[in-house]
Protein backbone atom coordinates (compact mmCIF):
# COMPACT_ATOMS: atom_id res chain seq x y z
CA MET A 1 162.23 33.85 112.20
CA LYS A 2 160.58 35.39 114.99
CA ASN A 3 156.92 36.06 115.86
CA LEU A 4 156.27 39.64 114.48
CA LYS A 5 153.50 42.34 115.16
CA PHE A 6 153.51 44.61 112.11
CA ILE A 7 152.02 48.15 112.53
CA SER A 8 151.35 49.97 109.29
CA GLN A 9 152.17 53.59 109.99
CA SER A 10 151.09 54.70 106.52
CA ASN A 11 147.57 53.04 107.14
CA LEU A 12 147.36 54.43 110.63
CA VAL A 13 148.09 57.98 109.27
CA ASP A 14 145.74 57.65 106.39
CA ASN A 15 142.95 56.55 108.77
CA VAL A 16 143.69 59.58 111.00
CA MET A 17 143.39 61.83 108.01
CA HIS A 18 139.82 60.40 107.30
CA PHE A 19 138.68 62.26 110.45
CA LYS A 20 140.57 65.52 109.92
CA ASN A 21 137.76 67.99 109.50
CA LYS A 22 137.11 67.59 113.15
CA LYS A 23 139.54 67.84 116.21
CA ILE A 24 140.57 64.33 117.03
CA CYS A 25 140.81 62.71 120.43
CA ALA A 26 142.58 59.57 119.67
CA MET A 27 141.56 56.66 121.87
CA VAL A 28 144.64 54.53 122.71
CA LYS A 29 143.01 52.61 125.74
CA SER A 30 143.61 48.75 126.14
CA ASN A 31 147.17 49.14 125.00
CA ALA A 32 146.00 50.99 121.90
CA TYR A 33 143.35 48.35 121.07
CA GLY A 34 146.01 45.67 121.28
CA HIS A 35 148.39 47.35 118.74
CA GLY A 36 150.95 48.59 121.53
CA LEU A 37 150.29 52.15 123.15
CA SER A 38 153.80 53.72 122.99
CA ASP A 39 154.26 52.93 119.17
CA ILE A 40 150.85 54.19 118.32
CA VAL A 41 151.16 57.41 120.38
CA ASN A 42 154.66 58.27 118.85
CA ILE A 43 152.99 57.76 115.35
CA LEU A 44 149.86 59.82 116.00
CA ASN A 45 151.31 62.52 118.13
CA ASP A 46 151.70 65.12 115.33
CA TYR A 47 148.35 64.31 113.83
CA VAL A 48 145.91 64.31 116.86
CA ASP A 49 144.56 66.94 119.26
CA TYR A 50 143.99 64.80 122.51
CA PHE A 51 144.72 61.24 123.65
CA GLY A 52 141.79 59.28 125.32
CA VAL A 53 142.59 56.44 127.78
CA VAL A 54 140.60 54.61 130.56
CA ASN A 55 142.84 54.92 133.67
CA VAL A 56 145.74 56.88 135.19
CA GLU A 57 148.21 54.13 134.61
CA GLU A 58 147.63 54.29 130.77
CA ALA A 59 147.65 58.21 130.90
CA ILE A 60 151.01 58.17 132.51
CA LYS A 61 152.36 55.73 129.80
CA VAL A 62 151.06 58.26 127.19
CA ARG A 63 152.43 61.35 129.00
CA ARG A 64 156.00 59.74 128.74
CA ASN A 65 155.71 59.84 124.85
CA SER A 66 153.47 63.01 124.30
CA ASP A 67 152.81 66.34 125.68
CA LYS A 68 149.21 66.49 124.21
CA PRO A 69 146.36 66.83 126.44
CA ILE A 70 145.20 63.37 127.87
CA LEU A 71 141.57 62.67 128.73
CA ILE A 72 140.80 59.81 131.19
CA CYS A 73 137.40 58.74 129.76
CA SER A 74 136.17 56.73 133.05
CA ARG A 75 136.11 57.35 136.69
CA VAL A 76 139.28 58.16 138.38
CA ASP A 77 140.35 58.02 142.02
CA ASP A 78 144.19 58.95 141.84
CA LEU A 79 143.80 62.65 141.66
CA LYS A 80 147.25 63.44 142.89
CA SER A 81 148.78 61.58 139.60
CA CYS A 82 146.19 63.51 137.48
CA LEU A 83 147.51 66.93 138.94
CA LYS A 84 151.12 65.74 138.87
CA TYR A 85 151.05 64.60 135.13
CA GLY A 86 148.61 67.30 133.85
CA LEU A 87 145.63 64.77 132.91
CA GLU A 88 142.08 65.84 132.37
CA VAL A 89 138.98 64.20 133.91
CA ILE A 90 135.47 63.81 133.13
CA ALA A 91 132.69 64.74 135.76
CA GLU A 92 129.12 63.66 135.57
CA ASP A 93 127.62 65.67 138.30
CA GLU A 94 128.30 68.55 141.16
CA ASN A 95 129.90 66.03 143.48
CA ASP A 96 132.45 65.18 140.86
CA LEU A 97 133.13 68.64 140.06
CA ASN A 98 133.50 69.49 143.59
CA THR A 99 135.96 66.80 144.28
CA PHE A 100 137.91 67.88 141.16
CA TYR A 101 137.96 71.46 142.49
CA LYS A 102 139.19 70.50 145.78
CA ALA A 103 142.16 68.34 144.39
CA GLY A 104 143.16 71.26 142.20
CA LEU A 105 141.89 70.13 138.81
CA LYS A 106 139.74 73.15 138.45
CA ASP A 107 141.13 73.81 134.94
CA SER A 108 141.02 70.05 133.85
CA CYS A 109 137.52 69.26 133.95
CA HIS A 110 135.15 67.84 131.15
CA LEU A 111 131.31 67.19 131.55
CA LYS A 112 129.70 63.99 130.45
CA ILE A 113 126.20 63.93 129.50
CA ASN A 114 124.48 60.62 129.35
CA SER A 115 122.62 60.39 126.09
CA GLY A 116 121.36 56.72 126.47
CA MET A 117 124.39 54.50 127.01
CA ASN A 118 123.61 54.60 130.77
CA ARG A 119 127.37 53.85 131.52
CA PHE A 120 128.38 57.33 132.60
CA GLY A 121 127.13 60.87 132.73
CA LEU A 122 124.75 63.53 133.75
CA LYS A 123 121.12 62.39 132.95
CA SER A 124 118.56 64.79 134.63
CA GLU A 125 117.55 68.33 134.23
CA LEU A 126 117.93 69.05 138.02
CA SER A 127 121.49 67.62 137.89
CA ALA A 128 122.31 69.80 134.87
CA LYS A 129 121.03 72.78 136.76
CA MET A 130 123.00 71.99 139.84
CA VAL A 131 126.10 71.46 137.66
CA ASN A 132 125.56 74.84 135.85
CA GLU A 133 125.35 76.78 139.31
CA PHE A 134 128.25 75.00 140.54
CA LEU A 135 130.32 76.10 137.47
CA ARG A 136 129.34 79.66 138.00
CA GLU A 137 129.89 79.81 141.62
CA LYS A 138 133.59 78.15 141.40
CA GLU A 139 134.18 79.86 138.05
CA ILE A 140 135.13 76.52 136.44
CA GLN A 141 135.69 76.57 132.50
CA LEU A 142 135.06 73.28 131.08
CA LYS A 143 137.23 71.71 128.79
CA SER A 144 134.34 70.16 126.95
CA ILE A 145 130.85 68.85 127.09
CA CYS A 146 130.88 65.44 125.94
CA SER A 147 128.92 62.21 125.25
CA HIS A 148 129.06 58.76 123.86
CA PHE A 149 126.32 57.19 121.38
CA SER A 150 125.79 53.57 121.92
CA MET A 151 124.06 52.65 118.70
CA THR A 152 125.13 54.69 115.68
CA GLU A 153 124.08 51.91 113.37
CA SER A 154 120.47 53.11 114.02
CA LYS A 155 119.66 56.59 112.85
CA ARG A 156 116.41 56.80 114.80
CA THR A 157 117.94 55.77 118.26
CA THR A 158 121.19 58.15 117.62
CA ASN A 159 118.90 61.16 116.62
CA LEU A 160 116.79 60.57 119.92
CA ALA A 161 119.90 60.27 121.98
CA TYR A 162 121.31 63.47 120.31
CA LYS A 163 117.98 65.36 121.28
CA ARG A 164 118.57 64.20 124.76
CA PHE A 165 121.99 65.62 124.70
CA VAL A 166 120.97 68.84 123.35
CA ARG A 167 118.17 69.39 125.81
CA LEU A 168 120.43 68.78 128.79
CA ARG A 169 123.57 70.46 127.23
CA SER A 170 121.19 73.66 126.78
CA LEU A 171 120.80 73.94 130.76
CA ILE A 172 124.72 74.34 130.90
CA SER A 173 125.07 78.12 130.10
CA GLN A 174 128.87 78.46 129.44
CA ASP A 175 130.33 78.03 126.03
CA ALA A 176 132.56 74.93 125.58
CA MET A 177 133.90 72.55 123.24
CA VAL A 178 131.43 69.55 122.29
CA CYS A 179 133.12 66.03 121.98
CA PHE A 180 131.31 62.98 120.75
CA GLY A 181 132.27 59.43 120.54
CA GLY A 182 130.94 56.08 119.65
CA GLY A 183 130.82 54.01 116.33
CA ASN A 184 130.09 56.11 113.41
CA ILE A 185 129.09 59.29 115.09
CA TYR A 186 131.58 60.97 112.93
CA ASN A 187 129.25 60.68 109.87
CA TYR A 188 126.31 62.25 111.55
CA PRO A 189 125.61 65.97 110.81
CA TYR A 190 125.57 67.10 114.17
CA ASN A 191 127.04 70.22 115.69
CA PHE A 192 130.16 69.28 117.43
CA ASP A 193 133.94 70.13 117.67
CA MET A 194 135.99 67.04 118.39
CA VAL A 195 135.37 63.30 117.85
CA ARG A 196 136.80 60.57 120.04
CA VAL A 197 137.96 58.18 117.50
CA GLY A 198 138.55 54.26 118.59
CA ILE A 199 138.27 51.35 116.14
CA GLY A 200 138.29 53.61 113.13
CA LEU A 201 141.85 54.70 113.77
CA TYR A 202 142.85 51.10 113.56
CA GLY A 203 141.11 50.06 110.34
CA TYR A 204 137.66 49.10 111.15
CA GLY A 205 133.98 50.38 111.50
CA GLN A 206 134.30 53.10 108.67
CA LYS A 207 134.38 53.07 104.97
CA GLY A 208 137.75 54.07 103.47
CA VAL A 209 140.02 53.08 106.51
CA LYS A 210 142.53 50.41 106.28
CA PRO A 211 143.70 47.68 109.04
CA VAL A 212 146.78 48.76 110.75
CA LEU A 213 147.76 45.47 112.40
CA LYS A 214 149.29 42.26 111.07
CA ILE A 215 150.29 39.32 112.98
CA VAL A 216 153.11 37.04 111.25
CA SER A 217 154.70 33.97 112.35
CA HIS A 218 156.63 31.07 110.71
CA VAL A 219 156.59 27.39 110.35
CA SER A 220 158.53 25.87 113.13
CA LYS A 221 158.05 22.07 112.30
CA ILE A 222 156.65 19.89 109.55
CA PHE A 223 155.43 16.35 110.36
CA TYR A 224 153.64 13.48 108.62
CA ALA A 225 150.58 11.92 110.21
CA LYS A 226 148.81 8.74 109.16
CA LYS A 227 145.09 8.06 108.97
CA GLY A 228 143.63 7.43 112.33
CA GLU A 229 146.02 9.60 114.15
CA ALA A 230 144.91 12.55 116.25
CA ILE A 231 146.46 16.03 116.31
CA GLY A 232 146.13 18.43 119.28
CA TYR A 233 144.61 18.55 122.81
CA GLY A 234 141.62 16.57 123.50
CA GLN A 235 142.11 14.55 120.14
CA LYS A 236 139.35 16.60 118.41
CA TYR A 237 140.89 16.34 115.01
CA CYS A 238 141.34 12.76 113.84
CA LEU A 239 142.68 12.00 110.20
CA ASN A 240 140.73 10.44 107.67
CA LYS A 241 143.60 10.22 105.46
CA ASN A 242 147.37 10.47 105.66
CA GLY A 243 148.71 14.04 105.39
CA LEU A 244 151.36 16.80 105.98
CA PHE A 245 151.12 19.25 108.85
CA ALA A 246 152.81 22.20 110.24
CA VAL A 247 153.34 23.76 113.73
CA VAL A 248 153.13 27.60 114.05
CA PRO A 249 154.23 28.99 117.45
CA VAL A 250 151.39 31.32 118.00
CA GLY A 251 148.85 30.40 120.61
CA TYR A 252 146.10 31.78 122.89
CA GLY A 253 148.82 32.98 125.16
CA ASP A 254 149.54 35.34 122.48
CA GLY A 255 146.00 36.43 121.77
CA LEU A 256 145.03 33.88 119.44
CA ARG A 257 141.36 33.13 120.76
CA ARG A 258 140.97 29.35 121.50
CA ASN A 259 137.46 29.24 120.10
CA LEU A 260 138.98 29.84 116.66
CA SER A 261 140.40 26.33 116.91
CA GLY A 262 139.92 24.67 113.40
CA ASN A 263 138.04 27.54 112.11
CA PHE A 264 140.46 29.82 110.16
CA CYS A 265 142.96 29.76 107.45
CA VAL A 266 146.43 31.29 107.27
CA MET A 267 148.62 32.40 104.28
CA ILE A 268 151.85 30.58 103.52
CA ASN A 269 153.71 31.45 100.19
CA GLY A 270 150.47 33.19 98.95
CA LYS A 271 148.07 30.29 99.26
CA LYS A 272 145.57 29.65 102.05
CA TYR A 273 145.96 26.76 104.28
CA PRO A 274 143.41 25.49 107.08
CA SER A 275 144.19 25.52 110.71
CA VAL A 276 143.22 22.20 112.44
CA GLY A 277 142.94 20.84 116.04
CA ASN A 278 142.79 22.63 119.12
CA ILE A 279 144.77 26.02 119.57
CA CYS A 280 147.47 25.32 122.14
CA MET A 281 148.80 27.98 124.63
CA ASP A 282 151.87 28.48 122.40
CA ALA A 283 151.09 27.17 119.02
CA PHE A 284 148.56 25.80 116.45
CA PHE A 285 148.61 23.34 113.65
CA VAL A 286 147.95 23.77 109.85
CA LYS A 287 147.25 21.35 107.42
CA VAL A 288 149.92 21.93 104.49
CA ASP A 289 151.31 20.18 101.46
CA LYS A 290 154.84 19.44 100.14
CA ASN A 291 155.37 23.21 98.98
CA VAL A 292 155.43 24.39 102.66
CA LYS A 293 158.98 24.26 104.51
CA VAL A 294 160.26 25.06 107.89
CA GLY A 295 160.99 28.53 108.26
CA ASP A 296 158.30 29.65 105.78
CA GLU A 297 156.35 32.98 106.68
CA VAL A 298 152.97 32.51 108.04
CA ILE A 299 150.54 35.51 107.89
CA VAL A 300 148.27 34.49 110.88
CA MET A 301 146.02 37.63 110.73
CA SER A 302 145.67 40.57 108.60
CA ASP A 303 142.08 41.44 108.98
CA ALA A 304 140.29 41.09 112.54
CA ASN A 305 136.94 41.14 110.84
CA TYR A 306 137.82 37.80 109.35
CA PHE A 307 138.37 36.33 112.87
CA ALA A 308 135.51 38.17 114.34
CA LYS A 309 132.90 36.82 111.76
CA LYS A 310 134.36 33.29 112.36
CA ILE A 311 133.44 33.30 116.09
CA ASP A 312 130.52 35.72 116.06
CA THR A 313 132.22 38.51 118.09
CA ILE A 314 133.49 42.13 117.10
CA PRO A 315 136.99 43.21 115.73
CA TYR A 316 137.61 45.14 119.07
CA GLU A 317 137.84 41.75 120.85
CA ILE A 318 140.10 40.16 118.47
CA LEU A 319 142.46 43.10 118.15
CA THR A 320 142.75 43.75 122.05
CA GLY A 321 143.62 40.02 122.50
CA PHE A 322 146.73 40.61 120.80
CA SER A 323 148.04 42.92 123.48
CA ASN A 324 149.47 39.64 124.86
CA PHE A 325 151.43 38.81 121.63
CA ARG A 326 154.84 37.45 122.50
CA GLY A 327 156.73 38.91 119.61
CA LYS A 328 158.88 41.91 118.22
CA THR A 329 156.98 44.82 116.85
CA ILE A 330 157.78 46.22 113.52
CA ILE A 331 156.73 49.67 112.37
CA GLU A 332 156.26 49.61 108.54
């Protein structure tokens, strides 16, 4: 049995439908959050209105699989490729718009308003007025006016951010689609047309969505160790009694975080078994019993929240780590 990355097509489609009363820009950056960019784009293509990426390289990979609009949601320098592949870009001020205009991207511009994230976007009334004048002068019709909300778990903070967006947006006189992203912004009763959906597509951060990714391996070896022996690098795990152990050929080289060492369980034949010792680059150890045999399937991960809570991080970090997974992808 090989190492396998299972992608649930039905869960992914169900998750998309959760957001279907808005236009959807599916965020497939970072190898579709570790799931596999081409596979995810092929599944989502008939269900979404846009794809969102973080750079030109990702956008070109999407273009090979889709003719949908592709939005680069970060700074971009390779404008020739944007023009060649029909990619759309985000501006934050008059200078950006002028650069895109000169590059022949007049019809491919979105305007970003900084509503409090302070990562990217127009943030002053003066800048908004200058942008508005430039849009009129050059007869540029924006594809959208967009923003990203940084703390949607707080209604007060998000409401203040939305008011900031509305104030600056009101200085842009043209009518344009409004596109929002960020956590649970979809659940807020704001006036917007398209939602940039990231982690929710993959089964996290929203009620009613289901995990899409499952990592499966197998038992490659069973061995017996005696009391007093140590297992793994650094001899961090020493036995206080004799026992049976299994080797599973998945490691931090595949994206299994090393700081999970000895701090998670796997499923073998419907039963939980604890991992032990330090995770290696290509394998980890599991304490097992006589019911486990070489070749048995090992469910390494089926819920990124489980791993995230173990090491005090977020599911985004767990999922994107599996971009490096060395195994075959199976679409269920």
